[in-house]
């Protein structure tokens, strides 16, 4: 059975911080428990860099 990919638009996040990335990682974990994957859409450069810095690039799929 194919895994469901759920797009989540994060373009509204203007000033990402560690709390935002933590919340997104928790959303990804909850989605995974239900057989889904969260795909981040409209990711800012700042958010992408912070996700990478925190070592979560493989956990949080991001599309720019």
PDB file of N, CA and C in Angstrom:
ATOM      1  N   UNK A   1       0.839  -1.181   0.000  1.00  0.00           N
ATOM      2  CA  UNK A   1       0.000   0.000   0.000  1.00  0.00           C
ATOM      3  C   UNK A   1       0.889   1.252   0.000  1.00  0.00           C
ATOM      4  N   UNK A   2       0.568   2.192  -0.852  1.00  0.00           N
ATOM      5  CA  UNK A   2       1.359   3.424  -0.963  1.00  0.00           C
ATOM      6  C   UNK A   2       1.105   4.331   0.239  1.00  0.00           C
ATOM      7  N   UNK A   3       2.162   4.977   0.654  1.00  0.00           N
ATOM      8  CA  UNK A   3       2.056   5.905   1.776  1.00  0.00           C
ATOM      9  C   UNK A   3       1.433   7.213   1.292  1.00  0.00           C
ATOM     10  N   UNK A   4       0.555   7.768   2.086  1.00  0.00           N
ATOM     11  CA  UNK A   4      -0.095   9.032   1.758  1.00  0.00           C
ATOM     12  C   UNK A   4       0.822  10.195   2.099  1.00  0.00           C
ATOM     13  N   UNK A   5       1.000  11.087   1.136  1.00  0.00           N
ATOM     14  CA  UNK A   5       1.820  12.287   1.360  1.00  0.00           C
ATOM     15  C   UNK A   5       0.873  13.463   1.562  1.00  0.00           C
ATOM     16  N   UNK A   6       1.037  14.142   2.683  1.00  0.00           N
ATOM     17  CA  UNK A   6       0.189  15.272   3.033  1.00  0.00           C
ATOM     18  C   UNK A   6       0.998  16.559   2.890  1.00  0.00           C
ATOM     19  N   UNK A   7       0.649  17.410   1.906  1.00  0.00           N
ATOM     20  CA  UNK A   7       1.377  18.672   1.773  1.00  0.00           C
ATOM     21  C   UNK A   7       0.997  19.639   2.891  1.00  0.00           C
ATOM     22  N   UNK A   8       1.987  20.336   3.425  1.00  0.00           N
ATOM     23  CA  UNK A   8       1.743  21.308   4.484  1.00  0.00           C
ATOM     24  C   UNK A   8       2.479  22.592   4.121  1.00  0.00           C
ATOM     25  N   UNK A   9       1.731  23.644   3.828  1.00  0.00           N
ATOM     26  CA  UNK A   9       2.294  24.926   3.409  1.00  0.00           C
ATOM     27  C   UNK A   9       2.829  25.673   4.625  1.00  0.00           C
ATOM     28  N   UNK A  10       4.140  25.889   4.630  1.00  0.00           N
ATOM     29  CA  UNK A  10       4.774  26.598   5.740  1.00  0.00           C
ATOM     30  C   UNK A  10       5.271  27.981   5.310  1.00  0.00           C
ATOM     31  N   UNK A  11       4.738  28.488   4.210  1.00  0.00           N
ATOM     32  CA  UNK A  11       5.125  29.797   3.710  1.00  0.00           C
ATOM     33  C   UNK A  11       4.765  30.927   4.663  1.00  0.00           C
ATOM     34  N   UNK A  12       3.843  30.664   5.559  1.00  0.00           N
ATOM     35  CA  UNK A  12       3.407  31.685   6.522  1.00  0.00           C
ATOM     36  C   UNK A  12       4.401  31.864   7.672  1.00  0.00           C
ATOM     37  N   UNK A  13       5.362  30.942   7.799  1.00  0.00           N
ATOM     38  CA  UNK A  13       6.343  31.035   8.887  1.00  0.00           C
ATOM     39  C   UNK A  13       7.401  32.049   8.493  1.00  0.00           C
ATOM     40  N   UNK A  14       7.368  33.206   9.133  1.00  0.00           N
ATOM     41  CA  UNK A  14       8.257  34.301   8.768  1.00  0.00           C
ATOM     42  C   UNK A  14       9.599  34.267   9.497  1.00  0.00           C
ATOM     43  N   UNK A  15       9.579  33.878  10.746  1.00  0.00           N
ATOM     44  CA  UNK A  15      10.807  33.836  11.550  1.00  0.00           C
ATOM     45  C   UNK A  15      10.915  32.477  12.239  1.00  0.00           C
ATOM     46  N   UNK A  16      11.410  31.483  11.514  1.00  0.00           N
ATOM     47  CA  UNK A  16      11.501  30.141  12.104  1.00  0.00           C
ATOM     48  C   UNK A  16      12.523  30.094  13.233  1.00  0.00           C
ATOM     49  N   UNK A  17      12.221  29.280  14.225  1.00  0.00           N
ATOM     50  CA  UNK A  17      13.160  29.056  15.309  1.00  0.00           C
ATOM     51  C   UNK A  17      13.106  27.573  15.676  1.00  0.00           C
ATOM     52  N   UNK A  18      13.854  27.188  16.693  1.00  0.00           N
ATOM     53  CA  UNK A  18      13.923  25.772  17.064  1.00  0.00           C
ATOM     54  C   UNK A  18      12.569  25.228  17.496  1.00  0.00           C
ATOM     55  N   UNK A  19      11.725  26.069  18.049  1.00  0.00           N
ATOM     56  CA  UNK A  19      10.402  25.620  18.486  1.00  0.00           C
ATOM     57  C   UNK A  19       9.517  25.270  17.285  1.00  0.00           C
ATOM     58  N   UNK A  20       9.643  26.038  16.223  1.00  0.00           N
ATOM     59  CA  UNK A  20       8.892  25.758  14.991  1.00  0.00           C
ATOM     60  C   UNK A  20       9.347  24.430  14.409  1.00  0.00           C
ATOM     61  N   UNK A  21      10.654  24.218  14.334  1.00  0.00           N
ATOM     62  CA  UNK A  21      11.182  22.973  13.774  1.00  0.00           C
ATOM     63  C   UNK A  21      10.774  21.794  14.652  1.00  0.00           C
ATOM     64  N   UNK A  22      10.803  21.975  15.960  1.00  0.00           N
ATOM     65  CA  UNK A  22      10.368  20.924  16.881  1.00  0.00           C
ATOM     66  C   UNK A  22       8.904  20.570  16.642  1.00  0.00           C
ATOM     67  N   UNK A  23       8.058  21.569  16.478  1.00  0.00           N
ATOM     68  CA  UNK A  23       6.636  21.329  16.235  1.00  0.00           C
ATOM     69  C   UNK A  23       6.424  20.599  14.909  1.00  0.00           C
ATOM     70  N   UNK A  24       7.166  20.985  13.882  1.00  0.00           N
ATOM     71  CA  UNK A  24       7.047  20.320  12.584  1.00  0.00           C
ATOM     72  C   UNK A  24       7.517  18.863  12.662  1.00  0.00           C
ATOM     73  N   UNK A  25       8.585  18.620  13.417  1.00  0.00           N
ATOM     74  CA  UNK A  25       9.071  17.250  13.592  1.00  0.00           C
ATOM     75  C   UNK A  25       8.033  16.404  14.333  1.00  0.00           C
ATOM     76  N   UNK A  26       7.364  16.999  15.307  1.00  0.00           N
ATOM     77  CA  UNK A  26       6.319  16.273  16.035  1.00  0.00           C
ATOM     78  C   UNK A  26       5.113  15.978  15.142  1.00  0.00           C
ATOM     79  N   UNK A  27       4.773  16.931  14.262  1.00  0.00           N
ATOM     80  CA  UNK A  27       3.703  16.693  13.296  1.00  0.00           C
ATOM     81  C   UNK A  27       4.077  15.548  12.358  1.00  0.00           C
ATOM     82  N   UNK A  28       5.334  15.522  11.931  1.00  0.00           N
ATOM     83  CA  UNK A  28       5.804  14.448  11.055  1.00  0.00           C
ATOM     84  C   UNK A  28       5.709  13.105  11.768  1.00  0.00           C
ATOM     85  N   UNK A  29       6.075  13.072  13.032  1.00  0.00           N
ATOM     86  CA  UNK A  29       6.004  11.842  13.826  1.00  0.00           C
ATOM     87  C   UNK A  29       4.554  11.369  13.945  1.00  0.00           C
ATOM     88  N   UNK A  30       3.640  12.280  14.240  1.00  0.00           N
ATOM     89  CA  UNK A  30       2.224  11.923  14.358  1.00  0.00           C
ATOM     90  C   UNK A  30       1.671  11.429  13.022  1.00  0.00           C
ATOM     91  N   UNK A  31       2.062  12.086  11.936  1.00  0.00           N
ATOM     92  CA  UNK A  31       1.608  11.658  10.606  1.00  0.00           C
ATOM     93  C   UNK A  31       2.142  10.264  10.295  1.00  0.00           C
ATOM     94  N   UNK A  32       3.399  10.026  10.619  1.00  0.00           N
ATOM     95  CA  UNK A  32       4.001   8.718  10.369  1.00  0.00           C
ATOM     96  C   UNK A  32       3.305   7.602  11.118  1.00  0.00           C
ATOM     97  N   UNK A  33       2.837   7.884  12.318  1.00  0.00           N
ATOM     98  CA  UNK A  33       2.109   6.879  13.095  1.00  0.00           C
ATOM     99  C   UNK A  33       0.781   6.500  12.447  1.00  0.00           C
ATOM    100  N   UNK A  34       0.304   7.370  11.574  1.00  0.00           N
ATOM    101  CA  UNK A  34      -0.959   7.128  10.882  1.00  0.00           C
ATOM    102  C   UNK A  34      -0.742   6.721   9.426  1.00  0.00           C
ATOM    103  N   UNK A  35       0.508   6.393   9.081  1.00  0.00           N
ATOM    104  CA  UNK A  35       0.820   5.927   7.743  1.00  0.00           C
ATOM    105  C   UNK A  35       0.938   7.016   6.703  1.00  0.00           C
ATOM    106  N   UNK A  36       1.206   8.238   7.136  1.00  0.00           N
ATOM    107  CA  UNK A  36       1.324   9.374   6.217  1.00  0.00           C
ATOM    108  C   UNK A  36       2.713   9.998   6.331  1.00  0.00           C
ATOM    109  N   UNK A  37       3.031  10.811   5.357  1.00  0.00           N
ATOM    110  CA  UNK A  37       4.252  11.603   5.387  1.00  0.00           C
ATOM    111  C   UNK A  37       3.880  13.052   5.186  1.00  0.00           C
ATOM    112  N   UNK A  38       4.448  13.914   5.990  1.00  0.00           N
ATOM    113  CA  UNK A  38       4.225  15.352   5.866  1.00  0.00           C
ATOM    114  C   UNK A  38       5.257  15.921   4.896  1.00  0.00           C
ATOM    115  N   UNK A  39       4.813  16.605   3.840  1.00  0.00           N
ATOM    116  CA  UNK A  39       5.711  17.237   2.874  1.00  0.00           C
ATOM    117  C   UNK A  39       5.587  18.745   3.018  1.00  0.00           C
ATOM    118  N   UNK A  40       6.637  19.381   3.463  1.00  0.00           N
ATOM    119  CA  UNK A  40       6.621  20.826   3.662  1.00  0.00           C
ATOM    120  C   UNK A  40       6.702  21.528   2.311  1.00  0.00           C
ATOM    121  N   UNK A  41       5.832  22.496   2.100  1.00  0.00           N
ATOM    122  CA  UNK A  41       5.754  23.231   0.839  1.00  0.00           C
ATOM    123  C   UNK A  41       5.989  24.711   1.122  1.00  0.00           C
ATOM    124  N   UNK A  42       6.601  25.419   0.169  1.00  0.00           N
ATOM    125  CA  UNK A  42       6.908  26.848   0.301  1.00  0.00           C
ATOM    126  C   UNK A  42       7.824  27.124   1.489  1.00  0.00           C
ATOM    127  N   UNK A  43       8.862  26.330   1.590  1.00  0.00           N
ATOM    128  CA  UNK A  43       9.813  26.452   2.694  1.00  0.00           C
ATOM    129  C   UNK A  43      10.773  27.614   2.412  1.00  0.00           C
ATOM    130  N   UNK A  44      10.901  28.505   3.363  1.00  0.00           N
ATOM    131  CA  UNK A  44      11.842  29.624   3.210  1.00  0.00           C
ATOM    132  C   UNK A  44      13.273  29.107   3.344  1.00  0.00           C
ATOM    133  N   UNK A  45      14.195  29.897   2.825  1.00  0.00           N
ATOM    134  CA  UNK A  45      15.607  29.536   2.932  1.00  0.00           C
ATOM    135  C   UNK A  45      16.006  29.402   4.404  1.00  0.00           C
ATOM    136  N   UNK A  46      15.510  30.312   5.248  1.00  0.00           N
ATOM    137  CA  UNK A  46      15.852  30.303   6.669  1.00  0.00           C
ATOM    138  C   UNK A  46      15.366  29.026   7.350  1.00  0.00           C
ATOM    139  N   UNK A  47      14.141  28.624   7.041  1.00  0.00           N
ATOM    140  CA  UNK A  47      13.601  27.402   7.648  1.00  0.00           C
ATOM    141  C   UNK A  47      14.371  26.185   7.157  1.00  0.00           C
ATOM    142  N   UNK A  48      14.668  26.119   5.876  1.00  0.00           N
ATOM    143  CA  UNK A  48      15.428  24.985   5.326  1.00  0.00           C
ATOM    144  C   UNK A  48      16.806  24.892   5.976  1.00  0.00           C
ATOM    145  N   UNK A  49      17.454  26.023   6.171  1.00  0.00           N
ATOM    146  CA  UNK A  49      18.771  26.036   6.798  1.00  0.00           C
ATOM    147  C   UNK A  49      18.700  25.590   8.260  1.00  0.00           C
ATOM    148  N   UNK A  50      17.672  26.021   8.962  1.00  0.00           N
ATOM    149  CA  UNK A  50      17.515  25.641  10.365  1.00  0.00           C
ATOM    150  C   UNK A  50      17.218  24.143  10.497  1.00  0.00           C
ATOM    151  N   UNK A  51      16.376  23.630   9.619  1.00  0.00           N
ATOM    152  CA  UNK A  51      16.091  22.191   9.617  1.00  0.00           C
ATOM    153  C   UNK A  51      17.380  21.409   9.389  1.00  0.00           C
ATOM    154  N   UNK A  52      18.191  21.852   8.433  1.00  0.00           N
ATOM    155  CA  UNK A  52      19.465  21.192   8.154  1.00  0.00           C
ATOM    156  C   UNK A  52      20.421  21.297   9.334  1.00  0.00           C
ATOM    157  N   UNK A  53      20.491  22.469   9.934  1.00  0.00           N
ATOM    158  CA  UNK A  53      21.369  22.695  11.079  1.00  0.00           C
ATOM    159  C   UNK A  53      21.003  21.775  12.246  1.00  0.00           C
ATOM    160  N   UNK A  54      19.709  21.529  12.405  1.00  0.00           N
ATOM    161  CA  UNK A  54      19.236  20.663  13.493  1.00  0.00           C
ATOM    162  C   UNK A  54      19.322  19.185  13.133  1.00  0.00           C
ATOM    163  N   UNK A  55      19.786  18.883  11.916  1.00  0.00           N
ATOM    164  CA  UNK A  55      19.967  17.486  11.505  1.00  0.00           C
ATOM    165  C   UNK A  55      18.673  16.773  11.182  1.00  0.00           C
ATOM    166  N   UNK A  56      17.648  17.520  10.779  1.00  0.00           N
ATOM    167  CA  UNK A  56      16.339  16.914  10.519  1.00  0.00           C
ATOM    168  C   UNK A  56      15.954  16.930   9.041  1.00  0.00           C
ATOM    169  N   UNK A  57      16.922  17.133   8.156  1.00  0.00           N
ATOM    170  CA  UNK A  57      16.623  17.187   6.733  1.00  0.00           C
ATOM    171  C   UNK A  57      16.019  15.896   6.203  1.00  0.00           C
ATOM    172  N   UNK A  58      16.446  14.770   6.750  1.00  0.00           N
ATOM    173  CA  UNK A  58      15.912  13.480   6.298  1.00  0.00           C
ATOM    174  C   UNK A  58      14.536  13.201   6.894  1.00  0.00           C
ATOM    175  N   UNK A  59      14.217  13.843   7.993  1.00  0.00           N
ATOM    176  CA  UNK A  59      12.935  13.636   8.659  1.00  0.00           C
ATOM    177  C   UNK A  59      11.858  14.545   8.060  1.00  0.00           C
ATOM    178  N   UNK A  60      12.222  15.797   7.823  1.00  0.00           N
ATOM    179  CA  UNK A  60      11.274  16.775   7.301  1.00  0.00           C
ATOM    180  C   UNK A  60      11.541  17.017   5.824  1.00  0.00           C
ATOM    181  N   UNK A  61      10.697  16.453   4.971  1.00  0.00           N
ATOM    182  CA  UNK A  61      10.829  16.656   3.538  1.00  0.00           C
ATOM    183  C   UNK A  61      10.417  18.072   3.204  1.00  0.00           C
ATOM    184  N   UNK A  62      11.277  18.775   2.495  1.00  0.00           N
ATOM    185  CA  UNK A  62      10.986  20.183   2.191  1.00  0.00           C
ATOM    186  C   UNK A  62      11.069  20.447   0.694  1.00  0.00           C
ATOM    187  N   UNK A  63      10.066  21.151   0.187  1.00  0.00           N
ATOM    188  CA  UNK A  63      10.045  21.590  -1.198  1.00  0.00           C
ATOM    189  C   UNK A  63      10.051  23.098  -1.201  1.00  0.00           C
ATOM    190  N   UNK A  64      10.968  23.707  -1.974  1.00  0.00           N
ATOM    191  CA  UNK A  64      11.054  25.164  -1.995  1.00  0.00           C
ATOM    192  C   UNK A  64      10.223  25.725  -3.095  1.00  0.00           C
TER     193      UNK A  64
END
